[in-house]
Structures are given as C-alpha cells and as structure tokens.
N, C-alpha and C. Protein backbone atom coordinates (compact mmCIF):
# COMPACT_ATOMS: atom_id res chain seq x y z
N MET A 1 0.85 -1.18 0.00
CA MET A 1 0.00 0.00 0.00
C MET A 1 0.89 1.24 0.00
N ASN A 2 0.55 2.18 -0.84
CA ASN A 2 1.28 3.45 -0.92
C ASN A 2 0.42 4.57 -0.34
N TYR A 3 1.06 5.49 0.37
CA TYR A 3 0.36 6.59 1.02
C TYR A 3 0.76 7.92 0.39
N PHE A 4 -0.24 8.78 0.21
CA PHE A 4 -0.03 10.07 -0.43
C PHE A 4 -0.77 11.15 0.33
N LEU A 5 -0.20 12.35 0.35
CA LEU A 5 -0.86 13.51 0.92
C LEU A 5 -1.62 14.21 -0.19
N ARG A 6 -2.93 14.33 -0.01
CA ARG A 6 -3.77 14.94 -1.05
C ARG A 6 -3.95 16.43 -0.76
N PHE A 7 -3.89 17.23 -1.83
CA PHE A 7 -4.09 18.67 -1.71
C PHE A 7 -4.62 19.23 -3.02
N ASP A 8 -5.14 20.43 -2.96
CA ASP A 8 -5.68 21.09 -4.14
C ASP A 8 -4.94 22.38 -4.43
N ILE A 9 -4.86 22.69 -5.73
CA ILE A 9 -4.40 23.98 -6.23
C ILE A 9 -5.47 24.40 -7.23
N GLY A 10 -6.27 25.39 -6.86
CA GLY A 10 -7.40 25.75 -7.72
C GLY A 10 -8.28 24.53 -7.90
N ASN A 11 -8.59 24.18 -9.15
CA ASN A 11 -9.41 22.99 -9.39
C ASN A 11 -8.57 21.77 -9.76
N ILE A 12 -7.26 21.83 -9.54
CA ILE A 12 -6.36 20.71 -9.82
C ILE A 12 -6.23 19.86 -8.57
N LYS A 13 -6.51 18.58 -8.70
CA LYS A 13 -6.39 17.63 -7.59
C LYS A 13 -5.01 16.98 -7.68
N LEU A 14 -4.24 17.14 -6.60
CA LEU A 14 -2.87 16.63 -6.58
C LEU A 14 -2.61 15.84 -5.31
N ALA A 15 -1.53 15.08 -5.35
CA ALA A 15 -1.05 14.35 -4.18
C ALA A 15 0.46 14.23 -4.30
N ALA A 16 1.11 14.00 -3.16
CA ALA A 16 2.55 13.77 -3.12
C ALA A 16 2.82 12.59 -2.20
N PRO A 17 3.85 11.80 -2.49
CA PRO A 17 4.18 10.68 -1.60
C PRO A 17 4.45 11.19 -0.18
N VAL A 18 3.91 10.52 0.82
CA VAL A 18 4.07 10.99 2.20
C VAL A 18 5.53 11.04 2.63
N GLU A 19 6.37 10.22 2.04
CA GLU A 19 7.79 10.24 2.42
C GLU A 19 8.48 11.54 1.99
N GLU A 20 7.85 12.31 1.13
CA GLU A 20 8.40 13.60 0.73
C GLU A 20 7.85 14.76 1.56
N VAL A 21 6.98 14.44 2.53
CA VAL A 21 6.33 15.46 3.33
C VAL A 21 6.87 15.43 4.75
N GLY A 22 7.31 16.60 5.24
CA GLY A 22 7.79 16.71 6.61
C GLY A 22 6.68 17.13 7.55
N GLU A 23 6.05 18.23 7.22
CA GLU A 23 4.95 18.74 8.03
C GLU A 23 4.11 19.71 7.22
N ILE A 24 2.97 20.10 7.78
CA ILE A 24 2.07 21.04 7.14
C ILE A 24 1.91 22.22 8.08
N VAL A 25 2.07 23.43 7.56
CA VAL A 25 1.95 24.62 8.40
C VAL A 25 0.96 25.59 7.76
N ARG A 26 0.44 26.47 8.59
CA ARG A 26 -0.49 27.50 8.13
C ARG A 26 0.07 28.86 8.55
N PRO A 27 1.10 29.32 7.86
CA PRO A 27 1.69 30.60 8.26
C PRO A 27 0.72 31.75 8.01
N LYS A 28 0.81 32.75 8.84
CA LYS A 28 -0.06 33.91 8.67
C LYS A 28 0.38 34.76 7.48
N ARG A 29 1.68 34.71 7.19
CA ARG A 29 2.17 35.48 6.05
C ARG A 29 3.46 34.87 5.52
N ILE A 30 3.75 35.25 4.31
CA ILE A 30 5.01 34.89 3.68
C ILE A 30 5.77 36.20 3.47
N THR A 31 7.00 36.25 3.95
CA THR A 31 7.82 37.45 3.76
C THR A 31 8.28 37.45 2.31
N ARG A 32 7.80 38.43 1.56
CA ARG A 32 8.09 38.50 0.13
C ARG A 32 9.52 38.93 -0.11
N SER A 33 10.06 38.47 -1.21
CA SER A 33 11.41 38.85 -1.60
C SER A 33 11.43 39.04 -3.11
N GLY A 34 11.89 40.18 -3.55
CA GLY A 34 11.94 40.46 -4.98
C GLY A 34 13.07 39.72 -5.68
N LYS A 35 14.14 39.45 -4.94
CA LYS A 35 15.30 38.77 -5.53
C LYS A 35 15.33 37.33 -5.03
N ILE A 36 14.69 36.48 -5.79
CA ILE A 36 14.62 35.07 -5.41
C ILE A 36 14.43 34.24 -6.68
N ALA A 37 14.72 32.96 -6.58
CA ALA A 37 14.63 32.07 -7.74
C ALA A 37 13.20 32.01 -8.29
N LYS A 38 13.08 31.69 -9.55
CA LYS A 38 11.78 31.62 -10.23
C LYS A 38 10.84 30.66 -9.51
N TYR A 39 9.59 31.10 -9.35
CA TYR A 39 8.49 30.38 -8.69
C TYR A 39 8.59 30.37 -7.16
N PHE A 40 9.64 30.92 -6.60
CA PHE A 40 9.72 31.08 -5.15
C PHE A 40 9.22 32.49 -4.83
N ILE A 41 8.30 32.57 -3.85
CA ILE A 41 7.66 33.86 -3.59
C ILE A 41 8.15 34.53 -2.32
N GLY A 42 8.91 33.84 -1.53
CA GLY A 42 9.40 34.44 -0.29
C GLY A 42 9.79 33.38 0.71
N PHE A 43 9.73 33.79 2.00
CA PHE A 43 10.19 32.93 3.07
C PHE A 43 9.20 32.92 4.22
N ILE A 44 9.21 31.82 4.99
CA ILE A 44 8.49 31.77 6.25
C ILE A 44 9.49 31.39 7.33
N LYS A 45 9.17 31.73 8.56
CA LYS A 45 9.98 31.30 9.71
C LYS A 45 9.34 30.05 10.27
N LEU A 46 10.14 29.02 10.46
CA LEU A 46 9.65 27.75 10.96
C LEU A 46 10.69 27.18 11.92
N HIS A 47 10.33 27.10 13.19
CA HIS A 47 11.25 26.56 14.20
C HIS A 47 12.61 27.27 14.14
N LYS A 48 12.59 28.57 14.07
CA LYS A 48 13.78 29.43 14.02
C LYS A 48 14.60 29.25 12.75
N GLU A 49 14.02 28.61 11.75
CA GLU A 49 14.68 28.46 10.45
C GLU A 49 13.96 29.32 9.42
N THR A 50 14.71 29.79 8.43
CA THR A 50 14.13 30.49 7.30
C THR A 50 13.89 29.47 6.20
N VAL A 51 12.63 29.35 5.78
CA VAL A 51 12.26 28.33 4.80
C VAL A 51 11.72 29.03 3.55
N PRO A 52 12.35 28.82 2.39
CA PRO A 52 11.83 29.39 1.15
C PRO A 52 10.53 28.69 0.74
N VAL A 53 9.64 29.44 0.09
CA VAL A 53 8.33 28.91 -0.28
C VAL A 53 8.16 28.93 -1.80
N PHE A 54 7.90 27.74 -2.35
CA PHE A 54 7.65 27.55 -3.78
C PHE A 54 6.15 27.73 -4.00
N ASP A 55 5.78 28.55 -4.98
CA ASP A 55 4.38 28.87 -5.22
C ASP A 55 3.82 28.04 -6.37
N LEU A 56 3.04 27.00 -6.03
CA LEU A 56 2.42 26.16 -7.06
C LEU A 56 1.38 26.94 -7.86
N HIS A 57 0.77 27.97 -7.26
CA HIS A 57 -0.19 28.78 -8.00
C HIS A 57 0.48 29.45 -9.20
N GLU A 58 1.59 30.09 -8.94
CA GLU A 58 2.32 30.75 -10.03
C GLU A 58 2.84 29.72 -11.03
N PHE A 59 3.35 28.61 -10.53
CA PHE A 59 3.90 27.56 -11.37
C PHE A 59 2.86 27.04 -12.36
N PHE A 60 1.63 26.82 -11.88
CA PHE A 60 0.56 26.32 -12.73
C PHE A 60 -0.26 27.42 -13.40
N GLY A 61 0.07 28.69 -13.12
CA GLY A 61 -0.66 29.81 -13.73
C GLY A 61 -2.06 29.97 -13.19
N ILE A 62 -2.23 29.73 -11.90
CA ILE A 62 -3.54 29.82 -11.25
C ILE A 62 -3.52 31.02 -10.30
N ASP A 63 -4.64 31.72 -10.23
CA ASP A 63 -4.74 32.86 -9.33
C ASP A 63 -4.52 32.41 -7.89
N PRO A 64 -3.73 33.18 -7.14
CA PRO A 64 -3.49 32.80 -5.74
C PRO A 64 -4.74 32.98 -4.89
N VAL A 65 -4.74 32.29 -3.77
CA VAL A 65 -5.86 32.38 -2.84
C VAL A 65 -5.40 33.11 -1.58
N GLU A 66 -6.37 33.66 -0.85
CA GLU A 66 -6.03 34.39 0.36
C GLU A 66 -5.63 33.45 1.49
N ARG A 67 -6.38 32.36 1.66
CA ARG A 67 -6.07 31.37 2.70
C ARG A 67 -5.31 30.21 2.04
N PHE A 68 -4.23 29.82 2.66
CA PHE A 68 -3.40 28.78 2.07
C PHE A 68 -2.70 27.98 3.17
N GLU A 69 -2.10 26.89 2.76
CA GLU A 69 -1.28 26.07 3.65
C GLU A 69 0.06 25.83 2.95
N VAL A 70 1.06 25.47 3.74
CA VAL A 70 2.39 25.22 3.19
C VAL A 70 2.83 23.83 3.62
N ILE A 71 3.17 23.02 2.63
CA ILE A 71 3.70 21.68 2.88
C ILE A 71 5.21 21.82 2.93
N ILE A 72 5.81 21.33 4.01
CA ILE A 72 7.27 21.40 4.17
C ILE A 72 7.87 20.09 3.70
N SER A 73 8.85 20.20 2.83
CA SER A 73 9.54 19.03 2.30
C SER A 73 11.04 19.26 2.46
N ASP A 74 11.76 18.21 2.77
CA ASP A 74 13.21 18.30 2.91
C ASP A 74 13.83 17.88 1.59
N ARG A 75 14.54 18.80 0.98
CA ARG A 75 15.17 18.54 -0.33
C ARG A 75 16.67 18.67 -0.17
N ASN A 76 17.39 17.55 -0.13
CA ASN A 76 18.84 17.55 0.03
C ASN A 76 19.28 18.40 1.21
N LYS A 77 18.68 18.13 2.39
CA LYS A 77 18.98 18.80 3.66
C LYS A 77 18.62 20.28 3.67
N THR A 78 17.76 20.70 2.76
CA THR A 78 17.24 22.06 2.75
C THR A 78 15.72 21.97 2.83
N LYS A 79 15.15 22.63 3.83
CA LYS A 79 13.69 22.64 3.95
C LYS A 79 13.13 23.60 2.91
N ILE A 80 12.11 23.11 2.20
CA ILE A 80 11.41 23.90 1.19
C ILE A 80 9.92 23.85 1.50
N GLY A 81 9.26 25.00 1.45
CA GLY A 81 7.82 25.05 1.61
C GLY A 81 7.16 25.05 0.25
N VAL A 82 6.02 24.41 0.13
CA VAL A 82 5.26 24.39 -1.12
C VAL A 82 3.86 24.92 -0.79
N LYS A 83 3.51 26.07 -1.36
CA LYS A 83 2.23 26.71 -1.07
C LYS A 83 1.11 26.03 -1.86
N VAL A 84 0.06 25.62 -1.12
CA VAL A 84 -1.11 24.97 -1.73
C VAL A 84 -2.37 25.63 -1.17
N ASP A 85 -3.51 25.40 -1.84
CA ASP A 85 -4.78 25.94 -1.34
C ASP A 85 -5.16 25.26 -0.03
N LYS A 86 -5.27 23.94 -0.08
CA LYS A 86 -5.76 23.21 1.07
C LYS A 86 -5.26 21.77 1.04
N VAL A 87 -4.78 21.31 2.18
CA VAL A 87 -4.40 19.91 2.35
C VAL A 87 -5.65 19.16 2.76
N LEU A 88 -5.93 18.06 2.06
CA LEU A 88 -7.17 17.32 2.27
C LEU A 88 -7.00 16.00 3.01
N GLY A 89 -5.77 15.60 3.29
CA GLY A 89 -5.55 14.38 4.06
C GLY A 89 -4.76 13.33 3.31
N ILE A 90 -4.70 12.17 3.92
CA ILE A 90 -3.93 11.05 3.37
C ILE A 90 -4.87 10.14 2.56
N ILE A 91 -4.39 9.73 1.40
CA ILE A 91 -5.10 8.73 0.60
C ILE A 91 -4.14 7.57 0.32
N THR A 92 -4.70 6.44 -0.02
CA THR A 92 -3.88 5.27 -0.29
C THR A 92 -4.16 4.74 -1.69
N ALA A 93 -3.20 4.03 -2.21
CA ALA A 93 -3.36 3.37 -3.51
C ALA A 93 -2.43 2.16 -3.55
N GLN A 94 -2.92 1.09 -4.15
CA GLN A 94 -2.08 -0.09 -4.32
C GLN A 94 -0.89 0.24 -5.22
N GLU A 95 -1.20 0.95 -6.31
CA GLU A 95 -0.14 1.36 -7.23
C GLU A 95 -0.61 2.57 -8.03
N LEU A 96 0.34 3.29 -8.55
CA LEU A 96 0.03 4.43 -9.41
C LEU A 96 -0.29 3.93 -10.80
N GLN A 97 -1.25 4.57 -11.42
CA GLN A 97 -1.54 4.26 -12.82
C GLN A 97 -0.74 5.21 -13.70
N SER A 98 -0.30 4.69 -14.83
CA SER A 98 0.42 5.51 -15.79
C SER A 98 -0.55 6.42 -16.52
N TYR A 99 0.00 7.47 -17.10
CA TYR A 99 -0.80 8.35 -17.95
C TYR A 99 -1.08 7.61 -19.26
N PRO A 100 -2.17 7.93 -19.94
CA PRO A 100 -2.42 7.32 -21.25
C PRO A 100 -1.26 7.61 -22.20
N GLU A 101 -1.06 6.75 -23.17
CA GLU A 101 0.08 6.88 -24.09
C GLU A 101 0.10 8.21 -24.82
N PHE A 102 -1.07 8.78 -25.10
CA PHE A 102 -1.11 10.03 -25.85
C PHE A 102 -0.78 11.25 -24.97
N VAL A 103 -0.60 11.05 -23.67
CA VAL A 103 -0.25 12.13 -22.75
C VAL A 103 1.22 12.01 -22.40
N GLU A 104 1.94 13.09 -22.58
CA GLU A 104 3.35 13.11 -22.19
C GLU A 104 3.48 14.00 -20.96
N PRO A 105 3.47 13.39 -19.76
CA PRO A 105 3.47 14.18 -18.53
C PRO A 105 4.82 14.85 -18.28
N GLU A 106 4.77 15.93 -17.53
CA GLU A 106 6.01 16.58 -17.10
C GLU A 106 6.78 15.62 -16.21
N ARG A 107 8.08 15.82 -16.11
CA ARG A 107 8.93 14.89 -15.36
C ARG A 107 8.62 14.86 -13.87
N TYR A 108 8.01 15.92 -13.34
CA TYR A 108 7.68 15.94 -11.91
C TYR A 108 6.38 15.20 -11.60
N LEU A 109 5.65 14.76 -12.62
CA LEU A 109 4.41 13.99 -12.42
C LEU A 109 4.74 12.50 -12.47
N GLN A 110 4.31 11.78 -11.43
CA GLN A 110 4.67 10.38 -11.31
C GLN A 110 3.59 9.42 -11.80
N GLY A 111 2.35 9.87 -11.83
CA GLY A 111 1.26 8.99 -12.24
C GLY A 111 -0.07 9.52 -11.72
N VAL A 112 -1.07 8.65 -11.76
CA VAL A 112 -2.44 9.04 -11.42
C VAL A 112 -3.02 8.02 -10.44
N ILE A 113 -3.81 8.54 -9.49
CA ILE A 113 -4.56 7.69 -8.58
C ILE A 113 -6.04 7.88 -8.90
N PRO A 114 -6.75 6.80 -9.26
CA PRO A 114 -8.20 6.94 -9.44
C PRO A 114 -8.85 7.21 -8.08
N HIS A 115 -9.82 8.10 -8.06
CA HIS A 115 -10.47 8.46 -6.80
C HIS A 115 -11.94 8.70 -7.07
N ASP A 116 -12.75 8.69 -6.02
CA ASP A 116 -14.20 8.87 -6.14
C ASP A 116 -14.58 10.09 -6.95
N ASP A 117 -13.88 11.20 -6.72
CA ASP A 117 -14.23 12.43 -7.42
C ASP A 117 -13.28 12.74 -8.57
N GLY A 118 -12.76 11.71 -9.22
CA GLY A 118 -11.90 11.89 -10.39
C GLY A 118 -10.48 11.45 -10.12
N ALA A 119 -9.64 11.59 -11.12
CA ALA A 119 -8.24 11.18 -11.00
C ALA A 119 -7.44 12.25 -10.26
N ILE A 120 -6.51 11.78 -9.44
CA ILE A 120 -5.62 12.67 -8.70
C ILE A 120 -4.21 12.44 -9.25
N GLN A 121 -3.59 13.52 -9.70
CA GLN A 121 -2.23 13.43 -10.22
C GLN A 121 -1.23 13.45 -9.06
N VAL A 122 -0.22 12.61 -9.14
CA VAL A 122 0.80 12.54 -8.10
C VAL A 122 2.06 13.23 -8.62
N LEU A 123 2.51 14.21 -7.83
CA LEU A 123 3.74 14.89 -8.21
C LEU A 123 4.81 14.66 -7.16
N SER A 124 6.04 14.79 -7.58
CA SER A 124 7.19 14.63 -6.71
C SER A 124 7.78 16.00 -6.42
N PHE A 125 7.83 16.38 -5.13
CA PHE A 125 8.47 17.65 -4.78
C PHE A 125 9.95 17.62 -5.15
N GLY A 126 10.56 16.44 -5.01
CA GLY A 126 11.98 16.30 -5.34
C GLY A 126 12.27 16.58 -6.80
N LYS A 127 11.37 16.17 -7.69
CA LYS A 127 11.56 16.42 -9.12
C LYS A 127 11.08 17.81 -9.51
N LEU A 128 10.08 18.33 -8.79
CA LEU A 128 9.56 19.66 -9.06
C LEU A 128 10.60 20.73 -8.74
N ILE A 129 11.28 20.56 -7.62
CA ILE A 129 12.29 21.53 -7.21
C ILE A 129 13.64 20.97 -7.65
N SER A 130 14.01 21.31 -8.86
CA SER A 130 15.21 20.78 -9.50
C SER A 130 16.48 21.21 -8.76
N LYS A 131 17.58 20.56 -9.08
CA LYS A 131 18.87 20.91 -8.50
C LYS A 131 19.22 22.36 -8.81
N GLN A 132 18.89 22.81 -10.02
CA GLN A 132 19.18 24.20 -10.39
C GLN A 132 18.38 25.18 -9.54
N ARG A 133 17.09 24.88 -9.34
CA ARG A 133 16.26 25.75 -8.48
C ARG A 133 16.77 25.74 -7.05
N LEU A 134 17.15 24.57 -6.57
CA LEU A 134 17.65 24.45 -5.21
C LEU A 134 18.96 25.21 -5.04
N MET A 135 19.85 25.11 -5.99
CA MET A 135 21.11 25.86 -5.92
C MET A 135 20.86 27.36 -5.97
N ALA A 136 19.91 27.78 -6.79
CA ALA A 136 19.59 29.20 -6.90
C ALA A 136 19.01 29.73 -5.59
N ILE A 137 18.20 28.92 -4.90
CA ILE A 137 17.55 29.38 -3.67
C ILE A 137 18.53 29.38 -2.51
N ARG A 138 19.50 28.47 -2.49
CA ARG A 138 20.44 28.38 -1.36
C ARG A 138 21.24 29.66 -1.17
N LYS A 139 21.48 30.40 -2.22
CA LYS A 139 22.26 31.64 -2.05
C LYS A 139 21.47 32.72 -1.32
N TYR A 140 20.15 32.54 -1.18
CA TYR A 140 19.34 33.52 -0.46
C TYR A 140 19.14 33.12 1.00
N LEU A 141 19.56 31.92 1.39
CA LEU A 141 19.36 31.46 2.77
C LEU A 141 20.47 31.92 3.68
C-alpha cells in the first residue's frame, strides 16, 4: 500500500508521496522577496529556520488564494515550503496508474490515482524543485 498527501491547487487535484512530506503549516504570512529564484515567492519562519516557499499557484498559472497552507519538504537537507490551497488528508493506492500513451506528462508527475471524485495526479516535490532551483535558492538562505 502506498500513502499520499492529497491537496488542491485551484481545481487541480494533486497528491505527493508521504515520504516527501515533513509537516504542514499555516503561516499567517510569507515574507516576500523580490530577488529570489523563479516560482519562489518568499520565506516563512519555521522553528527558528528560514524556509523558502515555492508557489504552485504561479507555477501552474492559477490565481493565488487568500487562505493557504504550506507543505514542508526536505530537499537535500534544505527545507522547502510548497504553497497549496488546502491539504485534504492522506489517501492510499495499491499502485500508481500511468498516464495514457497520448499524454506526455512533465517529469515531476509520477502517475495518477483513481479516486471517487476523479483522478488525482501525483507529483514529486523532489523532481519539481530541481537541483538548479535548489542551488539558486540556497544563495538567499
């Protein structure tokens, strides 16, 4: 059995493997920074650490929401926050289904989980936040 954290970005249903999730936080604000790597919108303070926040809204071209949550993931010993609309809980699947042959998914998408209210796409935070993005963000920490 595989476990995934389910969350939404606009009307996109997504999930990530639970092993890529450290914790979920609801910061009151994100400290904005004009000089930061692409798709990173700023920083939050978490346990006396400065954590950069990757904005999935901007990445997917979706209007941001006022209320949001941040999923914390550890990427090569660097904590990264991923801004989402709402975390919906843990779901399970025996295995991921592949995308149809006529669909060429982005490299950060791992597969699909069939669910009662439609298919949920599974993404990898590790593949989403590339080594280049991580190196670019480390100079701001």
